[in-house]
Amino acid sequence: IVGRFLVPAIVLEAALVAFVPLGWIRHYVGGSGPLPVLWGALAGIPLPLPQIAAVPLIRGLMEQGMQPAAAMAFLIGGPVTSIPAIVLLSTIFQRSVIGVYLGVSLVTALGFGYLFLALG
């Protein structure tokens, strides 16, 4: 039963990676201030960020001007909210639980991003 939901989610995830240019993300998460942290967390939500690819991707974005606090929010928000993970969880849990999960994930990513911004 999970396969019929997981395969379309993986295809959609691949389309996001292929058609959302990294230059767009770098434009919004560079610079200073609190706004890049918000954009970093929001950008991390739909994009896949597997453990192996996380470090090179974040390093490449930071070399292109990504703010370190935005990178922290992106790093925290990405792995817990990938589209295949959400689709898989939606086969098990009700929509309200998924909404709470996404909300807590976003708040956590923003919280640690802003904490990193304040300490850095």
N, C-alpha and C. Protein backbone atom coordinates (compact mmCIF):
# COMPACT_ATOMS: atom_id res chain seq x y z
N ILE A 1 0.82 -1.20 0.00
CA ILE A 1 0.00 0.00 0.00
C ILE A 1 0.86 1.26 0.00
N VAL A 2 2.01 1.19 0.66
CA VAL A 2 2.89 2.35 0.74
C VAL A 2 3.51 2.66 -0.62
N GLY A 3 3.81 1.64 -1.41
CA GLY A 3 4.46 1.83 -2.70
C GLY A 3 3.68 2.70 -3.65
N ARG A 4 2.36 2.60 -3.63
CA ARG A 4 1.58 3.41 -4.56
C ARG A 4 1.63 4.89 -4.22
N PHE A 5 1.97 5.23 -2.98
CA PHE A 5 2.14 6.63 -2.58
C PHE A 5 3.60 7.07 -2.67
N LEU A 6 4.50 6.15 -2.40
CA LEU A 6 5.92 6.49 -2.34
C LEU A 6 6.51 6.77 -3.71
N VAL A 7 6.14 6.00 -4.72
CA VAL A 7 6.68 6.21 -6.06
C VAL A 7 6.33 7.60 -6.62
N PRO A 8 5.07 8.03 -6.56
CA PRO A 8 4.78 9.40 -7.04
C PRO A 8 5.51 10.48 -6.23
N ALA A 9 5.69 10.23 -4.95
CA ALA A 9 6.40 11.21 -4.12
C ALA A 9 7.85 11.32 -4.54
N ILE A 10 8.48 10.21 -4.87
CA ILE A 10 9.87 10.24 -5.31
C ILE A 10 9.98 10.94 -6.67
N VAL A 11 9.01 10.72 -7.55
CA VAL A 11 9.01 11.40 -8.86
C VAL A 11 8.83 12.91 -8.66
N LEU A 12 7.92 13.30 -7.78
CA LEU A 12 7.72 14.73 -7.51
C LEU A 12 8.96 15.35 -6.88
N GLU A 13 9.59 14.63 -5.99
CA GLU A 13 10.82 15.11 -5.37
C GLU A 13 11.92 15.31 -6.42
N ALA A 14 12.05 14.38 -7.34
CA ALA A 14 13.05 14.51 -8.41
C ALA A 14 12.74 15.72 -9.29
N ALA A 15 11.48 15.97 -9.55
CA ALA A 15 11.09 17.13 -10.35
C ALA A 15 11.46 18.42 -9.63
N LEU A 16 11.26 18.47 -8.31
CA LEU A 16 11.65 19.65 -7.55
C LEU A 16 13.14 19.90 -7.66
N VAL A 17 13.92 18.85 -7.50
CA VAL A 17 15.37 19.00 -7.58
C VAL A 17 15.79 19.44 -8.97
N ALA A 18 15.14 18.92 -9.99
CA ALA A 18 15.52 19.23 -11.36
C ALA A 18 15.10 20.63 -11.80
N PHE A 19 13.97 21.12 -11.32
CA PHE A 19 13.42 22.35 -11.85
C PHE A 19 13.50 23.57 -10.94
N VAL A 20 13.89 23.38 -9.67
CA VAL A 20 14.06 24.53 -8.78
C VAL A 20 15.55 24.86 -8.77
N PRO A 21 15.94 25.94 -9.40
CA PRO A 21 17.37 26.26 -9.50
C PRO A 21 17.96 26.67 -8.15
N LEU A 22 19.17 26.19 -7.91
CA LEU A 22 19.85 26.55 -6.66
C LEU A 22 20.14 28.04 -6.58
N GLY A 23 20.29 28.71 -7.72
CA GLY A 23 20.51 30.15 -7.72
C GLY A 23 19.36 30.91 -7.08
N TRP A 24 18.16 30.41 -7.27
CA TRP A 24 16.99 31.01 -6.65
C TRP A 24 17.09 30.92 -5.13
N ILE A 25 17.49 29.76 -4.65
CA ILE A 25 17.62 29.56 -3.20
C ILE A 25 18.73 30.45 -2.66
N ARG A 26 19.86 30.49 -3.34
CA ARG A 26 20.98 31.32 -2.87
C ARG A 26 20.60 32.80 -2.80
N HIS A 27 19.79 33.25 -3.72
CA HIS A 27 19.37 34.65 -3.74
C HIS A 27 18.62 35.03 -2.46
N TYR A 28 17.79 34.13 -1.99
CA TYR A 28 16.96 34.44 -0.83
C TYR A 28 17.63 34.14 0.50
N VAL A 29 18.61 33.27 0.53
CA VAL A 29 19.21 32.89 1.81
C VAL A 29 20.59 33.51 2.03
N GLY A 30 20.98 34.41 1.17
CA GLY A 30 22.23 35.13 1.36
C GLY A 30 21.99 36.43 2.12
N GLY A 31 23.03 37.12 2.41
CA GLY A 31 22.90 38.41 3.09
C GLY A 31 22.86 38.27 4.59
N SER A 32 22.32 39.29 5.25
CA SER A 32 22.28 39.27 6.70
C SER A 32 20.86 39.51 7.18
N GLY A 33 20.66 39.33 8.45
CA GLY A 33 19.35 39.55 9.04
C GLY A 33 18.57 38.27 9.23
N PRO A 34 17.36 38.39 9.76
CA PRO A 34 16.57 37.20 10.08
C PRO A 34 15.80 36.59 8.90
N LEU A 35 15.57 37.36 7.85
CA LEU A 35 14.76 36.85 6.73
C LEU A 35 15.40 35.66 6.01
N PRO A 36 16.72 35.63 5.77
CA PRO A 36 17.31 34.45 5.13
C PRO A 36 17.11 33.16 5.92
N VAL A 37 17.00 33.26 7.25
CA VAL A 37 16.76 32.06 8.06
C VAL A 37 15.37 31.50 7.75
N LEU A 38 14.40 32.37 7.63
CA LEU A 38 13.05 31.94 7.28
C LEU A 38 13.03 31.27 5.91
N TRP A 39 13.68 31.91 4.93
CA TRP A 39 13.73 31.33 3.58
C TRP A 39 14.50 30.01 3.57
N GLY A 40 15.56 29.92 4.37
CA GLY A 40 16.32 28.67 4.45
C GLY A 40 15.47 27.53 4.99
N ALA A 41 14.71 27.81 6.04
CA ALA A 41 13.84 26.78 6.61
C ALA A 41 12.74 26.39 5.62
N LEU A 42 12.13 27.37 4.97
CA LEU A 42 11.06 27.07 4.01
C LEU A 42 11.58 26.34 2.78
N ALA A 43 12.80 26.66 2.37
CA ALA A 43 13.38 25.97 1.21
C ALA A 43 13.73 24.53 1.55
N GLY A 44 14.09 24.28 2.79
CA GLY A 44 14.46 22.92 3.19
C GLY A 44 13.28 21.98 3.31
N ILE A 45 12.08 22.52 3.47
CA ILE A 45 10.92 21.66 3.70
C ILE A 45 10.62 20.73 2.52
N PRO A 46 10.44 21.22 1.30
CA PRO A 46 10.09 20.27 0.24
C PRO A 46 11.28 19.56 -0.39
N LEU A 47 12.48 20.10 -0.21
CA LEU A 47 13.63 19.51 -0.87
C LEU A 47 14.18 18.32 -0.10
N PRO A 48 14.62 17.31 -0.82
CA PRO A 48 15.21 16.17 -0.14
C PRO A 48 16.61 16.53 0.33
N LEU A 49 16.98 16.06 1.48
CA LEU A 49 18.32 16.32 1.98
C LEU A 49 18.83 15.08 2.69
N PRO A 50 19.23 14.06 1.91
CA PRO A 50 19.74 12.85 2.55
C PRO A 50 21.05 13.14 3.28
N GLN A 51 21.36 12.32 4.24
CA GLN A 51 22.54 12.54 5.08
C GLN A 51 23.82 12.65 4.26
N ILE A 52 23.98 11.84 3.26
CA ILE A 52 25.22 11.83 2.49
C ILE A 52 25.38 13.11 1.69
N ALA A 53 24.31 13.64 1.15
CA ALA A 53 24.39 14.83 0.31
C ALA A 53 24.30 16.13 1.08
N ALA A 54 23.96 16.09 2.34
CA ALA A 54 23.72 17.32 3.10
C ALA A 54 24.95 18.20 3.21
N VAL A 55 26.06 17.63 3.62
CA VAL A 55 27.26 18.43 3.86
C VAL A 55 27.78 19.09 2.58
N PRO A 56 27.94 18.35 1.47
CA PRO A 56 28.41 19.03 0.25
C PRO A 56 27.43 20.07 -0.26
N LEU A 57 26.13 19.80 -0.16
CA LEU A 57 25.14 20.76 -0.63
C LEU A 57 25.18 22.03 0.20
N ILE A 58 25.20 21.90 1.50
CA ILE A 58 25.24 23.08 2.38
C ILE A 58 26.55 23.84 2.18
N ARG A 59 27.65 23.12 2.07
CA ARG A 59 28.94 23.78 1.85
C ARG A 59 28.94 24.56 0.54
N GLY A 60 28.39 23.95 -0.51
CA GLY A 60 28.32 24.64 -1.79
C GLY A 60 27.45 25.88 -1.73
N LEU A 61 26.32 25.79 -1.03
CA LEU A 61 25.46 26.95 -0.89
C LEU A 61 26.12 28.04 -0.06
N MET A 62 26.84 27.65 0.98
CA MET A 62 27.53 28.64 1.81
C MET A 62 28.66 29.31 1.04
N GLU A 63 29.34 28.57 0.17
CA GLU A 63 30.38 29.17 -0.67
C GLU A 63 29.79 30.16 -1.66
N GLN A 64 28.51 29.98 -2.01
CA GLN A 64 27.83 30.89 -2.92
C GLN A 64 27.17 32.06 -2.19
N GLY A 65 27.34 32.13 -0.87
CA GLY A 65 26.83 33.27 -0.11
C GLY A 65 25.71 32.98 0.85
N MET A 66 25.39 31.73 1.05
CA MET A 66 24.32 31.41 2.00
C MET A 66 24.76 31.74 3.41
N GLN A 67 23.88 32.40 4.14
CA GLN A 67 24.14 32.75 5.53
C GLN A 67 24.22 31.47 6.39
N PRO A 68 25.21 31.37 7.30
CA PRO A 68 25.32 30.16 8.13
C PRO A 68 24.06 29.83 8.92
N ALA A 69 23.37 30.83 9.44
CA ALA A 69 22.13 30.55 10.18
C ALA A 69 21.05 30.00 9.26
N ALA A 70 20.98 30.49 8.03
CA ALA A 70 20.03 29.95 7.05
C ALA A 70 20.39 28.51 6.70
N ALA A 71 21.69 28.23 6.63
CA ALA A 71 22.14 26.86 6.37
C ALA A 71 21.72 25.93 7.51
N MET A 72 21.80 26.42 8.74
CA MET A 72 21.38 25.62 9.88
C MET A 72 19.88 25.30 9.79
N ALA A 73 19.07 26.29 9.48
CA ALA A 73 17.63 26.07 9.35
C ALA A 73 17.32 25.13 8.19
N PHE A 74 18.04 25.29 7.10
CA PHE A 74 17.88 24.42 5.93
C PHE A 74 18.25 22.99 6.28
N LEU A 75 19.35 22.82 7.01
CA LEU A 75 19.83 21.50 7.39
C LEU A 75 18.86 20.80 8.33
N ILE A 76 18.26 21.53 9.24
CA ILE A 76 17.33 20.92 10.18
C ILE A 76 15.98 20.65 9.52
N GLY A 77 15.52 21.58 8.69
CA GLY A 77 14.20 21.43 8.07
C GLY A 77 14.15 20.39 6.97
N GLY A 78 15.23 20.18 6.26
CA GLY A 78 15.23 19.29 5.10
C GLY A 78 14.98 17.82 5.38
N PRO A 79 15.78 17.19 6.22
CA PRO A 79 15.63 15.74 6.38
C PRO A 79 14.31 15.30 7.00
N VAL A 80 13.72 16.10 7.87
CA VAL A 80 12.51 15.65 8.56
C VAL A 80 11.25 15.90 7.74
N THR A 81 11.35 16.69 6.68
CA THR A 81 10.14 17.04 5.94
C THR A 81 10.23 16.72 4.45
N SER A 82 11.04 15.77 4.07
CA SER A 82 11.10 15.44 2.65
C SER A 82 9.75 14.87 2.20
N ILE A 83 9.45 15.05 0.96
CA ILE A 83 8.15 14.65 0.43
C ILE A 83 7.90 13.14 0.60
N PRO A 84 8.87 12.27 0.30
CA PRO A 84 8.61 10.84 0.54
C PRO A 84 8.32 10.52 2.01
N ALA A 85 9.01 11.19 2.91
CA ALA A 85 8.75 10.95 4.34
C ALA A 85 7.34 11.37 4.72
N ILE A 86 6.90 12.52 4.22
CA ILE A 86 5.56 12.99 4.54
C ILE A 86 4.50 12.08 3.93
N VAL A 87 4.72 11.64 2.70
CA VAL A 87 3.76 10.72 2.06
C VAL A 87 3.69 9.42 2.84
N LEU A 88 4.82 8.91 3.25
CA LEU A 88 4.84 7.67 4.02
C LEU A 88 4.10 7.86 5.35
N LEU A 89 4.37 8.96 6.04
CA LEU A 89 3.71 9.22 7.32
C LEU A 89 2.20 9.43 7.13
N SER A 90 1.81 9.99 5.99
CA SER A 90 0.38 10.23 5.76
C SER A 90 -0.40 8.93 5.56
N THR A 91 0.27 7.85 5.23
CA THR A 91 -0.42 6.56 5.13
C THR A 91 -0.66 5.96 6.51
N ILE A 92 0.05 6.46 7.50
CA ILE A 92 -0.06 5.91 8.85
C ILE A 92 -0.88 6.81 9.77
N PHE A 93 -0.67 8.13 9.66
CA PHE A 93 -1.27 9.08 10.59
C PHE A 93 -2.33 9.93 9.90
N GLN A 94 -3.18 10.55 10.72
CA GLN A 94 -4.20 11.46 10.21
C GLN A 94 -3.57 12.78 9.79
N ARG A 95 -4.29 13.54 9.00
CA ARG A 95 -3.77 14.82 8.50
C ARG A 95 -3.43 15.79 9.62
N SER A 96 -4.21 15.78 10.68
CA SER A 96 -3.93 16.70 11.79
C SER A 96 -2.58 16.38 12.44
N VAL A 97 -2.24 15.12 12.53
CA VAL A 97 -0.94 14.72 13.09
C VAL A 97 0.18 15.16 12.15
N ILE A 98 -0.03 15.00 10.86
CA ILE A 98 0.97 15.43 9.88
C ILE A 98 1.15 16.95 9.95
N GLY A 99 0.05 17.68 10.11
CA GLY A 99 0.14 19.14 10.24
C GLY A 99 0.93 19.55 11.47
N VAL A 100 0.69 18.88 12.58
CA VAL A 100 1.46 19.17 13.80
C VAL A 100 2.93 18.84 13.59
N TYR A 101 3.20 17.71 12.94
CA TYR A 101 4.58 17.30 12.66
C TYR A 101 5.29 18.35 11.81
N LEU A 102 4.64 18.82 10.75
CA LEU A 102 5.24 19.83 9.89
C LEU A 102 5.43 21.15 10.64
N GLY A 103 4.45 21.52 11.44
CA GLY A 103 4.55 22.75 12.23
C GLY A 103 5.69 22.71 13.22
N VAL A 104 5.81 21.61 13.95
CA VAL A 104 6.90 21.46 14.91
C VAL A 104 8.25 21.45 14.19
N SER A 105 8.31 20.80 13.05
CA SER A 105 9.55 20.77 12.27
C SER A 105 9.97 22.16 11.83
N LEU A 106 9.01 22.95 11.33
CA LEU A 106 9.31 24.30 10.88
C LEU A 106 9.73 25.19 12.05
N VAL A 107 9.00 25.11 13.16
CA VAL A 107 9.34 25.92 14.33
C VAL A 107 10.72 25.54 14.87
N THR A 108 11.03 24.26 14.88
CA THR A 108 12.35 23.81 15.35
C THR A 108 13.46 24.31 14.44
N ALA A 109 13.25 24.20 13.13
CA ALA A 109 14.26 24.68 12.19
C ALA A 109 14.46 26.18 12.34
N LEU A 110 13.37 26.93 12.45
CA LEU A 110 13.48 28.38 12.64
C LEU A 110 14.14 28.72 13.98
N GLY A 111 13.74 28.02 15.02
CA GLY A 111 14.31 28.29 16.34
C GLY A 111 15.80 28.10 16.39
N PHE A 112 16.28 26.98 15.87
CA PHE A 112 17.72 26.74 15.88
C PHE A 112 18.45 27.66 14.89
N GLY A 113 17.81 28.00 13.79
CA GLY A 113 18.42 28.95 12.86
C GLY A 113 18.58 30.32 13.49
N TYR A 114 17.54 30.80 14.17
CA TYR A 114 17.63 32.11 14.83
C TYR A 114 18.58 32.07 16.02
N LEU A 115 18.63 30.95 16.73
CA LEU A 115 19.60 30.81 17.82
C LEU A 115 21.02 30.87 17.27
N PHE A 116 21.25 30.19 16.17
CA PHE A 116 22.57 30.20 15.53
C PHE A 116 22.92 31.61 15.06
N LEU A 117 21.91 32.34 14.56
CA LEU A 117 22.12 33.72 14.12
C LEU A 117 22.48 34.61 15.32
N ALA A 118 21.80 34.42 16.43
CA ALA A 118 22.05 35.24 17.63
C ALA A 118 23.41 34.94 18.24
N LEU A 119 23.84 33.69 18.20
CA LEU A 119 25.12 33.31 18.80
C LEU A 119 26.30 33.58 17.88
N GLY A 120 26.03 33.64 16.56
CA GLY A 120 27.12 33.79 15.60
C GLY A 120 27.36 35.20 15.30
